[in-house]
């Protein structure tokens, strides 16, 4: 993502990976301890925010300073 090489595909794959990781690793709905639920929920929502950022990047494109932008 930083270099802008194949930016839309990279953003889509990164978003999918982070979403799957969040669903697998931060299962706050299965945790019994209330304090642990809050911690897992915070990390899960952080991952969802990252997915939102990658989807914005997917829709808007890499920008003029990326390698893909220089080819235009």
N, C-alpha and C. Protein backbone atom coordinates (compact mmCIF):
# COMPACT_ATOMS: atom_id res chain seq x y z
N UNK A 1 0.81 -1.19 0.00
CA UNK A 1 0.00 0.00 0.00
C UNK A 1 0.86 1.26 0.00
N UNK A 2 1.94 1.23 0.71
CA UNK A 2 2.78 2.42 0.82
C UNK A 2 3.40 2.78 -0.52
N UNK A 3 3.84 1.79 -1.26
CA UNK A 3 4.50 2.06 -2.54
C UNK A 3 3.52 2.36 -3.66
N UNK A 4 2.30 1.89 -3.54
CA UNK A 4 1.32 2.12 -4.58
C UNK A 4 1.43 1.15 -5.74
N UNK A 5 2.01 -0.01 -5.51
CA UNK A 5 2.10 -1.03 -6.55
C UNK A 5 0.82 -1.86 -6.48
N UNK A 6 0.08 -1.92 -7.57
CA UNK A 6 -1.21 -2.60 -7.64
C UNK A 6 -2.07 -2.18 -6.43
N UNK A 7 -2.38 -0.89 -6.32
CA UNK A 7 -2.97 -0.37 -5.08
C UNK A 7 -4.35 -0.91 -4.74
N UNK A 8 -5.22 -1.03 -5.72
CA UNK A 8 -6.58 -1.46 -5.41
C UNK A 8 -6.62 -2.92 -4.97
N UNK A 9 -5.89 -3.76 -5.65
CA UNK A 9 -5.84 -5.17 -5.27
C UNK A 9 -5.21 -5.33 -3.89
N UNK A 10 -4.13 -4.59 -3.65
CA UNK A 10 -3.46 -4.66 -2.36
C UNK A 10 -4.38 -4.19 -1.24
N UNK A 11 -5.11 -3.11 -1.46
CA UNK A 11 -6.04 -2.60 -0.45
C UNK A 11 -7.15 -3.61 -0.18
N UNK A 12 -7.68 -4.20 -1.23
CA UNK A 12 -8.75 -5.18 -1.08
C UNK A 12 -8.27 -6.41 -0.30
N UNK A 13 -7.11 -6.92 -0.66
CA UNK A 13 -6.57 -8.10 0.02
C UNK A 13 -6.21 -7.80 1.48
N UNK A 14 -5.65 -6.62 1.72
CA UNK A 14 -5.31 -6.24 3.09
C UNK A 14 -6.57 -6.10 3.94
N UNK A 15 -7.59 -5.46 3.38
CA UNK A 15 -8.85 -5.32 4.11
C UNK A 15 -9.48 -6.67 4.42
N UNK A 16 -9.46 -7.57 3.45
CA UNK A 16 -10.01 -8.90 3.69
C UNK A 16 -9.24 -9.67 4.74
N UNK A 17 -7.92 -9.55 4.71
CA UNK A 17 -7.08 -10.22 5.70
C UNK A 17 -7.35 -9.69 7.10
N UNK A 18 -7.43 -8.37 7.23
CA UNK A 18 -7.66 -7.77 8.55
C UNK A 18 -9.05 -8.13 9.07
N UNK A 19 -10.04 -8.17 8.17
CA UNK A 19 -11.39 -8.55 8.59
C UNK A 19 -11.42 -9.99 9.09
N UNK A 20 -10.83 -10.90 8.34
CA UNK A 20 -10.79 -12.30 8.77
C UNK A 20 -10.01 -12.46 10.07
N UNK A 21 -8.91 -11.76 10.19
CA UNK A 21 -8.11 -11.83 11.41
C UNK A 21 -8.91 -11.33 12.60
N UNK A 22 -9.64 -10.24 12.41
CA UNK A 22 -10.47 -9.72 13.50
C UNK A 22 -11.56 -10.68 13.91
N UNK A 23 -12.19 -11.30 12.93
CA UNK A 23 -13.26 -12.25 13.25
C UNK A 23 -12.74 -13.50 13.94
N UNK A 24 -11.53 -13.91 13.61
CA UNK A 24 -10.97 -15.13 14.20
C UNK A 24 -10.29 -14.84 15.54
N UNK A 25 -9.52 -13.78 15.62
CA UNK A 25 -8.69 -13.54 16.80
C UNK A 25 -9.39 -12.77 17.92
N UNK A 26 -10.36 -11.94 17.59
CA UNK A 26 -10.97 -11.07 18.61
C UNK A 26 -12.45 -11.39 18.76
N UNK A 27 -12.74 -12.61 19.16
CA UNK A 27 -14.12 -13.08 19.31
C UNK A 27 -14.65 -12.64 20.68
N UNK A 28 -14.98 -11.37 20.81
CA UNK A 28 -15.42 -10.83 22.09
C UNK A 28 -16.77 -11.40 22.52
N UNK A 29 -17.55 -11.90 21.60
CA UNK A 29 -18.86 -12.46 21.93
C UNK A 29 -18.76 -13.83 22.61
N UNK A 30 -17.59 -14.45 22.57
CA UNK A 30 -17.39 -15.75 23.21
C UNK A 30 -16.65 -15.66 24.54
N UNK A 31 -16.26 -14.47 24.96
CA UNK A 31 -15.45 -14.30 26.17
C UNK A 31 -16.38 -14.11 27.37
N UNK A 32 -16.06 -14.77 28.48
CA UNK A 32 -16.91 -14.70 29.68
C UNK A 32 -16.55 -13.53 30.59
N UNK A 33 -15.28 -13.18 30.70
CA UNK A 33 -14.83 -12.12 31.60
C UNK A 33 -15.22 -10.75 31.03
N UNK A 34 -15.96 -9.91 31.78
CA UNK A 34 -16.39 -8.61 31.25
C UNK A 34 -15.23 -7.68 30.88
N UNK A 35 -14.15 -7.72 31.63
CA UNK A 35 -13.00 -6.88 31.30
C UNK A 35 -12.35 -7.34 30.00
N UNK A 36 -12.27 -8.63 29.81
CA UNK A 36 -11.68 -9.17 28.58
C UNK A 36 -12.59 -8.89 27.39
N UNK A 37 -13.90 -8.87 27.61
CA UNK A 37 -14.84 -8.55 26.52
C UNK A 37 -14.56 -7.15 26.00
N UNK A 38 -14.37 -6.20 26.92
CA UNK A 38 -14.11 -4.82 26.51
C UNK A 38 -12.81 -4.74 25.72
N UNK A 39 -11.78 -5.39 26.19
CA UNK A 39 -10.49 -5.37 25.48
C UNK A 39 -10.59 -5.99 24.10
N UNK A 40 -11.24 -7.13 24.00
CA UNK A 40 -11.39 -7.78 22.69
C UNK A 40 -12.27 -6.95 21.76
N UNK A 41 -13.30 -6.32 22.32
CA UNK A 41 -14.18 -5.49 21.49
C UNK A 41 -13.44 -4.27 20.95
N UNK A 42 -12.58 -3.68 21.76
CA UNK A 42 -11.79 -2.54 21.31
C UNK A 42 -10.89 -2.96 20.15
N UNK A 43 -10.21 -4.08 20.29
CA UNK A 43 -9.33 -4.55 19.22
C UNK A 43 -10.11 -4.93 17.97
N UNK A 44 -11.28 -5.53 18.15
CA UNK A 44 -12.12 -5.88 17.00
C UNK A 44 -12.57 -4.62 16.26
N UNK A 45 -13.03 -3.62 16.99
CA UNK A 45 -13.48 -2.38 16.35
C UNK A 45 -12.32 -1.63 15.70
N UNK A 46 -11.13 -1.75 16.27
CA UNK A 46 -9.94 -1.16 15.63
C UNK A 46 -9.70 -1.82 14.29
N UNK A 47 -9.83 -3.14 14.24
CA UNK A 47 -9.66 -3.85 12.96
C UNK A 47 -10.72 -3.44 11.96
N UNK A 48 -11.95 -3.25 12.41
CA UNK A 48 -13.01 -2.81 11.51
C UNK A 48 -12.70 -1.41 10.97
N UNK A 49 -12.13 -0.54 11.79
CA UNK A 49 -11.73 0.78 11.32
C UNK A 49 -10.63 0.68 10.27
N UNK A 50 -9.69 -0.23 10.46
CA UNK A 50 -8.64 -0.44 9.47
C UNK A 50 -9.23 -0.94 8.16
N UNK A 51 -10.21 -1.83 8.25
CA UNK A 51 -10.89 -2.32 7.04
C UNK A 51 -11.57 -1.15 6.33
N UNK A 52 -12.20 -0.27 7.09
CA UNK A 52 -12.82 0.91 6.49
C UNK A 52 -11.81 1.79 5.77
N UNK A 53 -10.64 1.95 6.35
CA UNK A 53 -9.59 2.73 5.70
C UNK A 53 -9.08 2.08 4.43
N UNK A 54 -8.93 0.78 4.45
CA UNK A 54 -8.46 0.10 3.24
C UNK A 54 -9.53 0.11 2.15
N UNK A 55 -10.80 0.06 2.53
CA UNK A 55 -11.86 0.13 1.52
C UNK A 55 -11.95 1.54 0.93
N UNK A 56 -11.70 2.57 1.74
CA UNK A 56 -11.64 3.93 1.20
C UNK A 56 -10.49 4.05 0.21
N UNK A 57 -9.36 3.49 0.55
CA UNK A 57 -8.20 3.48 -0.35
C UNK A 57 -8.52 2.71 -1.62
N UNK A 58 -9.26 1.61 -1.49
CA UNK A 58 -9.67 0.81 -2.64
C UNK A 58 -10.55 1.63 -3.58
N UNK A 59 -11.47 2.39 -3.03
CA UNK A 59 -12.40 3.17 -3.85
C UNK A 59 -11.73 4.40 -4.44
N UNK A 60 -10.93 5.10 -3.66
CA UNK A 60 -10.36 6.38 -4.11
C UNK A 60 -9.10 6.23 -4.94
N UNK A 61 -8.38 5.14 -4.82
CA UNK A 61 -7.15 4.96 -5.58
C UNK A 61 -5.93 5.41 -4.80
N UNK A 62 -4.79 5.26 -5.42
CA UNK A 62 -3.53 5.46 -4.72
C UNK A 62 -3.10 6.92 -4.63
N UNK A 63 -3.43 7.74 -5.59
CA UNK A 63 -3.02 9.13 -5.57
C UNK A 63 -1.88 9.40 -6.54
N UNK A 64 -1.56 10.67 -6.68
CA UNK A 64 -0.60 11.10 -7.69
C UNK A 64 0.84 10.72 -7.36
N UNK A 65 1.17 10.56 -6.09
CA UNK A 65 2.56 10.31 -5.72
C UNK A 65 2.92 8.83 -5.66
N UNK A 66 1.99 7.96 -5.99
CA UNK A 66 2.28 6.52 -5.97
C UNK A 66 2.88 6.09 -7.31
N UNK A 67 3.39 4.88 -7.35
CA UNK A 67 3.92 4.36 -8.60
C UNK A 67 2.81 4.19 -9.63
N UNK A 68 1.62 3.80 -9.19
CA UNK A 68 0.50 3.67 -10.11
C UNK A 68 0.06 5.03 -10.62
N UNK A 69 0.14 6.06 -9.79
CA UNK A 69 -0.24 7.41 -10.20
C UNK A 69 0.74 8.02 -11.18
N UNK A 70 1.98 7.64 -11.12
CA UNK A 70 2.99 8.18 -12.05
C UNK A 70 2.84 7.60 -13.45
N UNK A 71 2.20 6.45 -13.56
CA UNK A 71 2.02 5.83 -14.88
C UNK A 71 0.96 6.55 -15.70
N UNK A 72 0.08 7.29 -15.04
CA UNK A 72 -1.01 7.98 -15.76
C UNK A 72 -0.54 9.13 -16.57
